[in-house]
């Protein structure tokens, strides 16, 4: 074949592939907005993606599972899903396509395969939507608002109804809050509309009213005045971290449950995917979503503990600077954090080592930890240095993590990175709390000591863990297929 003919053939293939991507995007949108069925591709969001995004995600998927995964197969599987009468669902079409490649000889066509794989969907009971109040509107609060409003669909799960702030709102403050939600120096502009409704002291987010409530304490608020009932309060302030303090939210009219976005004392500290099923939402009223670092390391440690066994270890967190540090040198209640955050690497403490034991009791007393704050605004890294019970190799350890990222209870939590050029800015915007850097794995000559590098978006990845836990405690988790 001549070079010209080959080039023309490549152009024709690219045109067909892009056309298939357009069809795939339409099916994704129709399923989401008509049936509240969310398709994902190996935990990667597909809603509001463009053609190039779809192509790149399929190329990653093929490398990840070491099987050909292409958009033509995805269209076939998605079309089969669209033809079925399914309840609100979250379905990993990448995993379905992968399994279809392995089992296609057992089925007459893609529809028969999908019917068999999703047969349990009919057993899912109807869910009741949950009103949500964000108590505090800082970095995590605004990301939670963005995610809830951009993925609200028909509003069958979490409904953001109000935001509580300490400062009394006026037209200027309200517009400032709207602007902070619209624009973000790290995560970019919000892909939606945000308007300040001064007359009603509210934000109109994608046309939906979210009340702005001013209060000095939880006891002052009657949420029922705003039509809010049995709400989940997500406390983002960091001011209330004990059971006694968080219980103050339960005295407010219209509140059912409380979720803290920080480590809590005297309340269940949950890393969703690891220990959330240890607590019954019908029995527990107050939860903590632990810390971003705890959510990053616990899924990885759970996988290692289950397969190789952890004897002991040390974790060093290389963490983006946070709002509790000083912009320039000034007084601070903690040592070193008073030095300019954007100019220095700052050694500080972290409780992540001991916090892991709350989710994985078998690791109690086995881990030490420390932290270094570094001059980046977001995107962090944990170096796990572990002594293990069973011998392993780099290849075997990576295969373990690949398996956990592909199947089982931690597929939402662990992203397996194949990128040998990975740096901190690359992981910003990743919804998984743990990004396993497979190209950085180190194993000692005797196979008993391992060093693992785990990246995490300490804002975005953590916010998704908070939402996953919020859905669980609110009993609005849809049928899922991962």
Protein backbone atom coordinates (compact mmCIF):
# COMPACT_ATOMS: atom_id res chain seq x y z
CA UNK A 1 0.00 0.00 0.00
CA UNK A 2 1.35 3.43 -0.94
CA UNK A 3 1.93 6.12 1.66
CA UNK A 4 -0.90 8.15 0.15
CA UNK A 5 -3.36 5.25 0.33
CA UNK A 6 -2.36 4.54 3.93
CA UNK A 7 -2.88 8.18 4.83
CA UNK A 8 -6.34 8.21 3.24
CA UNK A 9 -7.23 5.02 5.13
CA UNK A 10 -6.11 6.59 8.40
CA UNK A 11 -8.20 9.69 7.71
CA UNK A 12 -11.26 7.56 6.99
CA UNK A 13 -10.77 5.62 10.23
CA UNK A 14 -10.42 8.82 12.26
CA UNK A 15 -13.61 10.21 10.70
CA UNK A 16 -15.50 7.00 11.56
CA UNK A 17 -14.14 7.02 15.09
CA UNK A 18 -15.08 10.64 15.69
CA UNK A 19 -18.56 9.99 14.30
CA UNK A 20 -18.91 7.06 16.70
CA UNK A 21 -17.80 9.35 19.54
CA UNK A 22 -20.56 11.82 18.66
CA UNK A 23 -23.11 8.99 18.74
CA UNK A 24 -21.68 7.76 22.04
CA UNK A 25 -21.90 11.25 23.60
CA UNK A 26 -25.57 11.51 22.55
CA UNK A 27 -26.42 8.16 24.13
CA UNK A 28 -24.59 9.16 27.33
CA UNK A 29 -26.61 12.40 27.53
CA UNK A 30 -29.94 10.75 26.72
CA UNK A 31 -29.40 8.06 29.35
CA UNK A 32 -28.44 10.61 31.99
CA UNK A 33 -31.11 13.24 31.41
CA UNK A 34 -33.95 10.90 30.43
CA UNK A 35 -33.35 7.90 32.70
CA UNK A 36 -30.81 9.06 35.34
CA UNK A 37 -28.41 6.36 34.14
CA UNK A 38 -24.79 7.51 34.37
CA UNK A 39 -22.21 5.81 32.20
CA UNK A 40 -18.56 5.96 33.22
CA UNK A 41 -15.40 4.46 31.68
CA UNK A 42 -13.20 2.81 34.29
CA UNK A 43 -14.39 5.35 36.85
CA UNK A 44 -13.78 8.29 34.52
CA UNK A 45 -16.67 10.71 34.09
CA UNK A 46 -18.28 10.70 30.62
CA UNK A 47 -21.00 13.32 31.07
CA UNK A 48 -20.21 16.63 29.32
CA UNK A 49 -17.08 15.21 27.63
CA UNK A 50 -16.04 16.14 24.08
CA UNK A 51 -14.90 13.88 21.24
CA UNK A 52 -11.20 14.18 22.04
CA UNK A 53 -11.86 13.31 25.69
CA UNK A 54 -13.73 10.17 24.64
CA UNK A 55 -10.92 9.05 22.33
CA UNK A 56 -8.25 9.61 24.99
CA UNK A 57 -10.24 7.79 27.67
CA UNK A 58 -10.65 4.77 25.40
CA UNK A 59 -6.92 4.70 24.69
CA UNK A 60 -6.20 4.74 28.45
CA UNK A 61 -8.78 1.98 28.96
CA UNK A 62 -7.12 -0.26 26.38
CA UNK A 63 -3.71 0.16 28.04
CA UNK A 64 -5.18 -0.34 31.50
CA UNK A 65 -6.90 -3.69 30.82
CA UNK A 66 -4.39 -4.81 28.17
CA UNK A 67 -7.25 -5.53 25.80
CA UNK A 68 -8.54 -3.58 22.78
CA UNK A 69 -11.25 -1.23 24.08
CA UNK A 70 -12.65 1.03 21.36
CA UNK A 71 -15.49 3.46 21.00
CA UNK A 72 -17.30 1.28 18.44
CA UNK A 73 -17.71 -1.42 21.11
CA UNK A 74 -18.80 1.21 23.63
CA UNK A 75 -21.52 2.45 21.26
CA UNK A 76 -22.80 -1.11 20.83
CA UNK A 77 -22.92 -1.74 24.57
CA UNK A 78 -24.40 1.71 25.31
CA UNK A 79 -27.13 1.18 22.71
CA UNK A 80 -28.02 -2.11 24.37
CA UNK A 81 -28.25 -0.38 27.77
CA UNK A 82 -30.44 2.33 26.27
CA UNK A 83 -32.89 -0.29 24.99
CA UNK A 84 -33.49 -1.71 28.49
CA UNK A 85 -35.83 -0.53 31.23
CA UNK A 86 -33.33 0.09 34.02
CA UNK A 87 -33.64 2.04 37.29
CA UNK A 88 -31.38 5.05 38.02
CA UNK A 89 -27.91 3.54 37.76
CA UNK A 90 -24.19 4.11 37.53
CA UNK A 91 -22.66 1.70 35.04
CA UNK A 92 -19.01 1.27 34.07
CA UNK A 93 -19.22 0.69 30.35
CA UNK A 94 -15.46 0.10 30.23
CA UNK A 95 -15.78 -2.93 32.51
CA UNK A 96 -18.78 -4.18 30.50
CA UNK A 97 -16.90 -3.86 27.22
CA UNK A 98 -13.86 -5.61 28.71
CA UNK A 99 -16.04 -8.49 29.91
CA UNK A 100 -17.85 -8.67 26.57
CA UNK A 101 -14.50 -9.25 24.85
CA UNK A 102 -13.82 -12.12 27.24
CA UNK A 103 -17.28 -13.72 27.03
CA UNK A 104 -18.81 -12.78 23.66
CA UNK A 105 -18.89 -16.42 22.55
CA UNK A 106 -21.45 -17.11 25.30
CA UNK A 107 -24.02 -14.61 23.98
CA UNK A 108 -25.90 -14.11 20.74
CA UNK A 109 -25.40 -10.35 20.76
CA UNK A 110 -24.51 -7.37 22.93
CA UNK A 111 -28.07 -6.94 24.18
CA UNK A 112 -28.24 -10.52 25.49
CA UNK A 113 -24.91 -9.93 27.24
CA UNK A 114 -26.05 -6.66 28.85
CA UNK A 115 -29.38 -8.17 29.96
CA UNK A 116 -27.52 -10.96 31.75
CA UNK A 117 -24.90 -8.70 33.36
CA UNK A 118 -27.42 -6.12 34.61
CA UNK A 119 -30.11 -8.58 35.68
CA UNK A 120 -29.81 -7.57 39.34
CA UNK A 121 -30.85 -3.99 38.54
CA UNK A 122 -34.52 -4.95 38.73
CA UNK A 123 -34.11 -5.77 42.44
CA UNK A 124 -33.18 -2.18 43.33
CA UNK A 125 -35.85 -0.31 45.28
CA UNK A 126 -36.82 3.27 44.50
CA UNK A 127 -34.74 5.87 46.32
CA UNK A 128 -35.99 9.00 48.07
CA UNK A 129 -34.01 12.19 47.27
CA UNK A 130 -32.09 13.79 50.14
CA UNK A 131 -31.95 17.51 50.90
CA UNK A 132 -28.40 18.70 51.56
CA UNK A 133 -27.12 21.75 53.45
CA UNK A 134 -23.51 22.88 53.14
CA UNK A 135 -22.45 24.37 56.46
CA UNK A 136 -19.50 26.48 55.37
CA UNK A 137 -18.50 27.44 51.84
CA UNK A 138 -14.71 27.20 51.57
CA UNK A 139 -12.56 25.11 49.21
CA UNK A 140 -14.30 21.79 49.86
CA UNK A 141 -17.76 23.32 50.20
CA UNK A 142 -17.57 24.99 46.81
CA UNK A 143 -16.29 21.82 45.10
CA UNK A 144 -19.13 19.85 46.67
CA UNK A 145 -21.58 22.44 45.38
CA UNK A 146 -20.10 22.26 41.87
CA UNK A 147 -20.25 18.48 41.75
CA UNK A 148 -23.74 18.14 43.20
CA UNK A 149 -25.20 20.75 40.88
CA UNK A 150 -23.44 19.57 37.73
CA UNK A 151 -24.49 15.93 38.35
CA UNK A 152 -27.97 16.59 39.71
CA UNK A 153 -29.78 15.10 36.69
CA UNK A 154 -33.42 14.78 37.71
CA UNK A 155 -32.58 15.40 41.35
CA UNK A 156 -33.18 11.83 42.44
CA UNK A 157 -30.21 11.64 44.83
CA UNK A 158 -28.63 14.61 46.62
CA UNK A 159 -30.38 17.99 46.36
CA UNK A 160 -28.34 20.99 47.44
CA UNK A 161 -30.88 23.26 49.10
CA UNK A 162 -28.90 25.71 51.25
CA UNK A 163 -25.48 27.05 52.20
CA UNK A 164 -24.81 28.41 55.70
CA UNK A 165 -22.27 31.21 56.27
CA UNK A 166 -21.31 33.30 59.28
CA UNK A 167 -21.14 36.64 57.47
CA UNK A 168 -24.46 38.34 56.90
CA UNK A 169 -25.10 38.50 53.17
CA UNK A 170 -25.62 41.68 51.24
CA UNK A 171 -25.55 42.23 47.49
CA UNK A 172 -21.77 42.54 47.40
CA UNK A 173 -21.05 39.46 49.52
CA UNK A 174 -23.59 37.40 47.62
CA UNK A 175 -21.98 38.27 44.29
CA UNK A 176 -18.55 37.48 45.73
CA UNK A 177 -19.75 34.02 46.71
CA UNK A 178 -21.25 33.55 43.27
CA UNK A 179 -17.96 34.58 41.69
CA UNK A 180 -15.94 32.18 43.86
CA UNK A 181 -18.22 29.36 42.71
CA UNK A 182 -17.95 30.40 39.05
CA UNK A 183 -14.17 30.78 38.97
CA UNK A 184 -11.43 28.71 40.56
CA UNK A 185 -7.71 29.27 40.06
CA UNK A 186 -6.96 25.55 40.44
CA UNK A 187 -9.97 23.78 38.97
CA UNK A 188 -11.01 26.27 36.32
CA UNK A 189 -14.40 27.80 35.62
CA UNK A 190 -17.60 26.06 36.66
CA UNK A 191 -19.28 24.58 33.59
CA UNK A 192 -22.68 26.01 34.40
CA UNK A 193 -24.42 29.21 35.39
CA UNK A 194 -24.30 30.94 38.76
CA UNK A 195 -26.39 34.03 39.48
CA UNK A 196 -26.77 36.04 42.66
CA UNK A 197 -30.45 36.38 43.63
CA UNK A 198 -30.21 39.36 45.98
CA UNK A 199 -33.97 39.68 46.56
CA UNK A 200 -34.24 36.12 47.90
CA UNK A 201 -30.71 35.94 49.37
CA UNK A 202 -29.90 32.90 47.25
CA UNK A 203 -27.69 31.62 44.49
CA UNK A 204 -29.30 30.38 41.30
CA UNK A 205 -27.04 27.52 40.22
CA UNK A 206 -27.97 26.17 36.81
CA UNK A 207 -31.38 27.75 37.41
CA UNK A 208 -31.94 26.02 40.77
CA UNK A 209 -32.39 28.03 43.97
CA UNK A 210 -29.85 27.44 46.74
CA UNK A 211 -30.60 29.54 49.84
CA UNK A 212 -27.81 31.44 51.61
CA UNK A 213 -28.48 31.29 55.36
CA UNK A 214 -26.56 33.42 57.87
CA UNK A 215 -26.06 32.04 61.38
CA UNK A 216 -23.59 32.20 64.26
CA UNK A 217 -24.41 28.65 65.31
CA UNK A 218 -26.48 25.64 64.21
CA UNK A 219 -29.09 26.13 66.94
CA UNK A 220 -30.28 29.37 65.35
CA UNK A 221 -31.51 27.78 62.13
CA UNK A 222 -34.94 26.44 61.25
CA UNK A 223 -34.41 24.81 57.86
CA UNK A 224 -38.08 23.94 57.51
CA UNK A 225 -38.75 27.64 56.87
CA UNK A 226 -36.98 27.09 53.56
CA UNK A 227 -38.92 23.92 52.72
CA UNK A 228 -35.98 21.74 53.78
CA UNK A 229 -36.83 18.47 55.58
CA UNK A 230 -34.73 15.58 56.96
CA UNK A 231 -31.58 17.16 55.56
CA UNK A 232 -28.01 15.97 55.57
CA UNK A 233 -25.77 18.76 56.88
CA UNK A 234 -22.24 18.58 55.47
CA UNK A 235 -20.05 20.57 57.84
CA UNK A 236 -17.06 22.08 55.99
CA UNK A 237 -16.05 24.64 58.60
CA UNK A 238 -13.57 22.57 60.59
CA UNK A 239 -14.89 24.36 63.69
CA UNK A 240 -16.97 21.41 64.95
CA UNK A 241 -14.99 18.17 65.10
CA UNK A 242 -16.28 16.36 68.20
CA UNK A 243 -19.48 14.40 68.68
CA UNK A 244 -20.72 17.00 71.16
CA UNK A 245 -20.07 19.91 68.80
CA UNK A 246 -21.47 18.17 65.73
CA UNK A 247 -24.60 17.16 67.66
CA UNK A 248 -25.54 20.84 67.72
CA UNK A 249 -26.58 20.47 64.08
CA UNK A 250 -29.17 17.87 65.08
CA UNK A 251 -30.95 20.46 67.24
CA UNK A 252 -31.82 22.46 64.11
CA UNK A 253 -35.28 21.86 62.71
CA UNK A 254 -35.20 19.94 59.46
CA UNK A 255 -31.89 18.10 60.05
CA UNK A 256 -31.58 14.31 59.92
CA UNK A 257 -27.86 13.54 59.69
CA UNK A 258 -24.47 15.25 59.86
CA UNK A 259 -21.30 14.60 57.85
CA UNK A 260 -17.98 16.24 58.78
CA UNK A 261 -15.37 16.87 56.08
CA UNK A 262 -12.43 16.45 58.46
CA UNK A 263 -11.25 13.87 61.00
CA UNK A 264 -13.75 13.60 63.84
CA UNK A 265 -13.50 12.64 67.52
CA UNK A 266 -16.06 10.30 69.04
CA UNK A 267 -17.77 9.70 65.69
CA UNK A 268 -17.21 7.08 62.96
CA UNK A 269 -14.32 8.08 60.69
CA UNK A 270 -15.15 6.61 57.29
CA UNK A 271 -13.04 6.00 54.22
CA UNK A 272 -15.72 5.18 51.70
CA UNK A 273 -15.01 1.87 50.00
CA UNK A 274 -13.03 0.53 52.96
CA UNK A 275 -15.18 0.64 56.11
CA UNK A 276 -18.45 2.40 55.25
CA UNK A 277 -20.49 -0.83 55.55
CA UNK A 278 -19.40 -1.16 59.20
CA UNK A 279 -22.03 1.45 60.05
CA UNK A 280 -25.77 1.27 59.41
CA UNK A 281 -27.25 4.57 58.13
CA UNK A 282 -30.47 3.70 59.96
CA UNK A 283 -28.62 3.72 63.29
CA UNK A 284 -25.85 6.36 63.03
CA UNK A 285 -26.57 10.08 62.79
CA UNK A 286 -23.08 11.66 62.69
CA UNK A 287 -20.19 10.69 60.44
CA UNK A 288 -16.72 11.93 59.57
CA UNK A 289 -15.23 11.54 56.08
CA UNK A 290 -11.73 11.52 57.66
CA UNK A 291 -8.98 13.51 55.90
CA UNK A 292 -7.89 13.71 52.28
CA UNK A 293 -4.62 11.93 53.10
CA UNK A 294 -6.38 9.14 55.00
CA UNK A 295 -8.68 8.63 52.02
CA UNK A 296 -5.65 8.48 49.72
CA UNK A 297 -3.60 5.90 51.59
CA UNK A 298 -6.21 3.64 53.19
CA UNK A 299 -7.47 1.99 49.96
CA UNK A 300 -3.88 1.20 48.92
CA UNK A 301 -3.00 -0.12 52.37
CA UNK A 302 -6.19 -2.22 52.41
CA UNK A 303 -5.13 -3.88 49.16
CA UNK A 304 -1.59 -4.55 50.42
CA UNK A 305 -2.77 -5.80 53.82
CA UNK A 306 -5.24 -8.20 52.23
CA UNK A 307 -2.78 -9.68 49.73
CA UNK A 308 0.75 -9.35 51.18
CA UNK A 309 0.28 -8.34 54.80
CA UNK A 310 1.80 -5.22 56.38
CA UNK A 311 4.38 -5.75 59.12
CA UNK A 312 5.16 -2.06 59.67
CA UNK A 313 5.79 1.05 57.67
CA UNK A 314 6.22 4.80 57.38
CA UNK A 315 4.26 7.21 55.22
CA UNK A 316 5.55 10.61 54.20
CA UNK A 317 2.97 13.03 52.88
CA UNK A 318 4.15 15.65 50.39
CA UNK A 319 1.14 17.91 50.60
CA UNK A 320 0.05 21.04 48.75
CA UNK A 321 -0.08 24.11 50.95
CA UNK A 322 -3.42 24.91 52.53
CA UNK A 323 -5.32 27.92 53.78
CA UNK A 324 -4.16 27.43 57.37
CA UNK A 325 -0.60 28.40 56.38
CA UNK A 326 0.64 31.96 56.03
CA UNK A 327 1.05 33.63 52.65
CA UNK A 328 4.06 35.51 54.01
CA UNK A 329 6.09 34.95 57.18
CA UNK A 330 3.97 35.72 60.22
CA UNK A 331 2.91 34.37 63.59
CA UNK A 332 1.25 30.95 63.61
CA UNK A 333 0.17 28.72 66.49
CA UNK A 334 2.06 25.76 64.96
CA UNK A 335 5.78 25.55 64.37
CA UNK A 336 7.02 26.20 60.81
CA UNK A 337 3.53 26.80 59.34
CA UNK A 338 4.05 30.50 59.92
CA UNK A 339 6.62 30.63 57.12
CA UNK A 340 5.56 31.70 53.62
CA UNK A 341 3.67 28.76 52.10
CA UNK A 342 4.43 29.47 48.44
CA UNK A 343 8.18 29.90 49.03
CA UNK A 344 9.07 27.04 51.36
CA UNK A 345 8.90 23.32 51.89
CA UNK A 346 7.55 23.04 55.42
CA UNK A 347 7.87 19.99 57.65
CA UNK A 348 4.74 19.48 59.72
CA UNK A 349 2.82 16.70 61.40
CA UNK A 350 0.01 14.50 60.09
CA UNK A 351 -2.26 12.13 61.95
CA UNK A 352 -2.84 10.01 58.86
CA UNK A 353 -0.73 7.10 60.11
CA UNK A 354 -2.85 6.59 63.21
CA UNK A 355 -6.07 7.58 61.42
CA UNK A 356 -5.73 4.61 59.06
CA UNK A 357 -6.27 2.26 61.99
CA UNK A 358 -9.80 3.63 62.46
CA UNK A 359 -10.70 2.17 59.07
CA UNK A 360 -8.23 -0.75 59.14
CA UNK A 361 -7.85 -1.89 62.78
CA UNK A 362 -5.29 -4.55 61.79
CA UNK A 363 -2.79 -1.74 61.09
CA UNK A 364 -3.06 -0.19 64.57
CA UNK A 365 0.41 0.71 65.86
CA UNK A 366 2.17 -0.40 62.68
CA UNK A 367 2.55 2.94 60.90
CA UNK A 368 4.44 6.16 61.55
CA UNK A 369 3.81 9.31 59.53
CA UNK A 370 4.95 12.83 58.86
CA UNK A 371 4.22 15.53 56.30
CA UNK A 372 5.94 18.14 54.18
CA UNK A 373 3.90 21.06 52.85
CA UNK A 374 5.25 22.13 49.45
CA UNK A 375 4.74 25.22 47.24
CA UNK A 376 1.91 23.96 45.02
CA UNK A 377 -1.73 24.98 45.57
CA UNK A 378 -3.22 21.52 44.96
CA UNK A 379 -2.12 17.97 44.15
CA UNK A 380 -0.35 15.89 46.77
CA UNK A 381 1.69 12.69 47.10
CA UNK A 382 2.20 10.02 49.74
CA UNK A 383 5.30 7.85 49.78
CA UNK A 384 4.48 4.52 51.45
CA UNK A 385 7.52 2.64 52.74
CA UNK A 386 6.31 -0.77 53.95
CA UNK A 387 7.74 -3.99 55.29
CA UNK A 388 5.45 -6.79 54.12
CA UNK A 389 4.84 -10.39 55.23
CA UNK A 390 5.01 -12.09 51.83
CA UNK A 391 7.72 -11.64 49.23
CA UNK A 392 6.79 -9.79 46.07
CA UNK A 393 8.24 -8.14 42.97
CA UNK A 394 7.57 -4.86 41.21
CA UNK A 395 5.53 -6.67 38.56
CA UNK A 396 3.52 -8.68 41.10
CA UNK A 397 2.80 -5.65 43.29
CA UNK A 398 1.69 -3.60 40.29
CA UNK A 399 -0.55 -6.47 39.15
CA UNK A 400 -2.18 -6.51 42.58
CA UNK A 401 -2.96 -2.80 42.37
CA UNK A 402 -4.17 -3.14 38.78
CA UNK A 403 -6.59 -5.87 39.89
CA UNK A 404 -7.96 -3.77 42.74
CA UNK A 405 -8.42 -0.82 40.38
CA UNK A 406 -10.31 -3.05 37.93
CA UNK A 407 -12.59 -5.11 40.15
CA UNK A 408 -13.82 -5.40 43.71
CA UNK A 409 -14.85 -2.89 46.35
CA UNK A 410 -12.13 -0.30 45.72
CA UNK A 411 -12.58 0.45 42.02
CA UNK A 412 -13.90 3.95 42.75
CA UNK A 413 -11.02 4.62 45.12
CA UNK A 414 -7.94 3.45 43.19
CA UNK A 415 -6.86 4.80 39.82
CA UNK A 416 -3.98 2.91 38.20
CA UNK A 417 -1.65 5.31 36.41
CA UNK A 418 0.38 4.14 33.43
CA UNK A 419 1.91 7.56 32.79
CA UNK A 420 5.68 7.52 33.20
CA UNK A 421 5.75 11.33 32.95
CA UNK A 422 3.24 11.86 35.78
CA UNK A 423 3.62 15.06 37.84
CA UNK A 424 1.41 16.76 40.39
CA UNK A 425 -0.48 19.03 37.98
CA UNK A 426 -1.54 15.97 35.95
CA UNK A 427 -3.65 14.56 38.75
CA UNK A 428 -5.67 17.72 39.44
CA UNK A 429 -9.31 16.95 38.70
CA UNK A 430 -9.07 13.20 39.36
CA UNK A 431 -12.14 11.85 41.18
CA UNK A 432 -10.38 8.81 42.66
CA UNK A 433 -8.82 9.57 46.07
CA UNK A 434 -5.81 7.31 45.33
CA UNK A 435 -3.77 7.45 42.13
CA UNK A 436 -1.26 4.61 42.13
CA UNK A 437 1.91 5.52 40.23
CA UNK A 438 2.82 2.13 38.75
CA UNK A 439 6.03 3.40 37.16
CA UNK A 440 7.47 4.53 40.49
CA UNK A 441 7.08 1.26 42.44
CA UNK A 442 10.23 -0.01 44.21
CA UNK A 443 10.75 -3.46 45.75
CA UNK A 444 13.86 -4.47 47.69
CA UNK A 445 16.07 -7.34 46.53
CA UNK A 446 14.63 -9.70 49.17
CA UNK A 447 11.06 -8.78 48.16
CA UNK A 448 10.09 -7.84 51.71
CA UNK A 449 10.27 -4.03 51.55
CA UNK A 450 8.26 -1.93 49.11
CA UNK A 451 8.01 1.75 48.30
CA UNK A 452 4.77 2.92 46.69
CA UNK A 453 3.93 6.38 45.39
CA UNK A 454 0.30 7.43 45.72
CA UNK A 455 -0.87 10.75 44.27
CA UNK A 456 -4.11 12.47 45.19
CA UNK A 457 -6.03 15.61 44.40
CA UNK A 458 -6.46 16.68 48.01
CA UNK A 459 -9.47 18.81 47.06
CA UNK A 460 -11.30 17.20 44.13
CA UNK A 461 -10.61 13.54 44.90
CA UNK A 462 -11.51 14.04 48.54
CA UNK A 463 -14.73 15.89 47.63
CA UNK A 464 -15.83 12.88 45.60
CA UNK A 465 -15.23 10.62 48.58
CA UNK A 466 -17.39 12.95 50.67
CA UNK A 467 -20.18 12.72 48.09
CA UNK A 468 -19.90 8.92 47.91
CA UNK A 469 -20.25 8.75 51.68
CA UNK A 470 -23.08 11.30 51.64
CA UNK A 471 -25.02 9.12 49.22
CA UNK A 472 -24.46 6.06 51.39
CA UNK A 473 -25.57 7.66 54.68
CA UNK A 474 -28.53 9.25 52.88
CA UNK A 475 -29.50 5.88 51.35
CA UNK A 476 -29.60 7.30 47.81
CA UNK A 477 -26.95 5.07 46.24
CA UNK A 478 -28.15 3.92 42.83
CA UNK A 479 -27.73 0.50 41.30
CA UNK A 480 -24.08 0.28 40.27
CA UNK A 481 -22.09 -1.98 37.98
CA UNK A 482 -18.32 -1.64 38.29
